[in-house]
Protein backbone atom coordinates (compact mmCIF):
# COMPACT_ATOMS: atom_id res chain seq x y z
CA UNK A 1 -80.41 14.86 -118.94
CA UNK A 2 -79.38 12.04 -117.77
CA UNK A 3 -76.01 12.17 -119.39
CA UNK A 4 -75.02 15.29 -117.53
CA UNK A 5 -73.39 15.07 -114.51
CA UNK A 6 -74.51 16.19 -110.92
CA UNK A 7 -72.73 18.00 -108.64
CA UNK A 8 -73.56 17.57 -105.04
CA UNK A 9 -76.66 18.91 -104.03
CA UNK A 10 -78.37 17.83 -107.22
CA UNK A 11 -77.54 20.58 -108.94
CA UNK A 12 -75.87 19.80 -112.91
CA UNK A 13 -72.32 20.31 -113.19
CA UNK A 14 -71.18 22.67 -116.48
CA UNK A 15 -72.43 21.42 -119.30
CA UNK A 16 -70.19 23.85 -121.85
CA UNK A 17 -67.07 21.95 -120.65
CA UNK A 18 -66.60 19.19 -122.84
CA UNK A 19 -63.87 19.46 -124.65
CA UNK A 20 -65.93 19.63 -128.44
CA UNK A 21 -67.29 22.20 -126.84
CA UNK A 22 -65.09 25.02 -126.06
CA UNK A 23 -65.68 27.73 -128.69
CA UNK A 24 -63.01 30.21 -127.31
CA UNK A 25 -60.14 27.63 -126.97
CA UNK A 26 -60.66 26.37 -130.49
CA UNK A 27 -61.30 29.95 -132.03
CA UNK A 28 -57.65 30.75 -130.34
CA UNK A 29 -56.39 27.59 -131.68
CA UNK A 30 -57.53 28.33 -134.91
CA UNK A 31 -55.86 32.04 -134.65
CA UNK A 32 -52.50 30.55 -133.70
CA UNK A 33 -52.21 27.87 -136.50
CA UNK A 34 -53.78 31.07 -139.10
CA UNK A 35 -50.75 32.96 -137.78
CA UNK A 36 -48.02 30.48 -138.09
CA UNK A 37 -48.16 30.90 -133.74
CA UNK A 38 -45.85 34.28 -133.91
CA UNK A 39 -48.72 36.30 -132.00
CA UNK A 40 -48.47 33.93 -129.30
CA UNK A 41 -44.93 33.72 -129.19
CA UNK A 42 -44.61 37.11 -128.54
CA UNK A 43 -47.46 36.85 -126.28
CA UNK A 44 -45.65 34.69 -124.10
CA UNK A 45 -42.34 36.69 -123.94
CA UNK A 46 -44.47 39.19 -123.28
CA UNK A 47 -45.60 37.59 -119.88
CA UNK A 48 -41.94 36.11 -119.02
CA UNK A 49 -40.49 39.58 -119.48
CA UNK A 50 -43.97 40.90 -116.88
CA UNK A 51 -43.08 37.98 -114.60
CA UNK A 52 -39.47 38.96 -115.01
CA UNK A 53 -40.06 42.36 -113.20
CA UNK A 54 -42.00 41.29 -110.37
CA UNK A 55 -45.43 41.35 -111.78
CA UNK A 56 -47.07 39.09 -108.79
CA UNK A 57 -50.07 38.07 -110.92
CA UNK A 58 -47.76 37.12 -114.28
CA UNK A 59 -45.57 34.78 -111.95
CA UNK A 60 -48.30 33.25 -110.75
CA UNK A 61 -49.93 32.92 -114.52
CA UNK A 62 -46.43 30.81 -115.42
CA UNK A 63 -46.84 29.00 -111.69
CA UNK A 64 -50.02 27.27 -112.81
CA UNK A 65 -48.99 26.86 -116.35
CA UNK A 66 -46.06 25.17 -115.64
CA UNK A 67 -46.86 23.35 -112.74
CA UNK A 68 -50.60 23.24 -112.76
CA UNK A 69 -52.81 25.22 -110.14
CA UNK A 70 -52.75 24.89 -107.00
CA UNK A 71 -55.59 22.49 -105.38
CA UNK A 72 -57.47 24.00 -102.14
CA UNK A 73 -58.24 21.53 -99.26
CA UNK A 74 -60.49 22.10 -96.05
CA UNK A 75 -60.07 19.87 -93.35
CA UNK A 76 -63.15 19.79 -90.90
CA UNK A 77 -63.14 18.65 -87.51
CA UNK A 78 -65.63 18.76 -84.67
CA UNK A 79 -66.13 21.43 -82.45
CA UNK A 80 -62.75 19.70 -79.74
CA UNK A 81 -60.57 18.99 -82.82
CA UNK A 82 -62.23 15.81 -83.10
CA UNK A 83 -63.31 13.73 -86.28
CA UNK A 84 -66.75 14.03 -88.04
CA UNK A 85 -69.12 11.94 -87.64
CA UNK A 86 -68.87 9.86 -90.93
CA UNK A 87 -72.60 8.05 -91.10
CA UNK A 88 -76.09 8.38 -89.19
CA UNK A 89 -77.01 6.08 -86.20
CA UNK A 90 -80.63 5.08 -86.99
CA UNK A 91 -82.65 3.66 -83.81
CA UNK A 92 -85.52 2.16 -83.78
CA UNK A 93 -87.29 2.05 -80.23
CA UNK A 94 -90.33 -0.27 -79.77
CA UNK A 95 -93.03 2.14 -77.85
CA UNK A 96 -94.55 0.89 -74.44
CA UNK A 97 -97.22 -0.90 -74.95
CA UNK A 98 -100.28 0.34 -72.77
CA UNK A 99 -103.23 -1.68 -73.24
């Protein structure tokens, strides 16, 4: 467990994501090599044809494959638009001694 990376909140990350443990990708790679990539070429051409016909999901897939998936960002601010505090201030108060 010590080798696993942790997500925020203490939950373990995706333990199946190592490059040596990608069964689906490895299986497809073997099939492509055995088939001399002719089926993969036909699949790529079909994707291009669908994108050319205006299929939005095919266009998105091509964009993701060629340019990389877009990164979603979220900007947080306070109620009045001000920056959120980045730290915590702890103030120790000595109680009044009433002996």
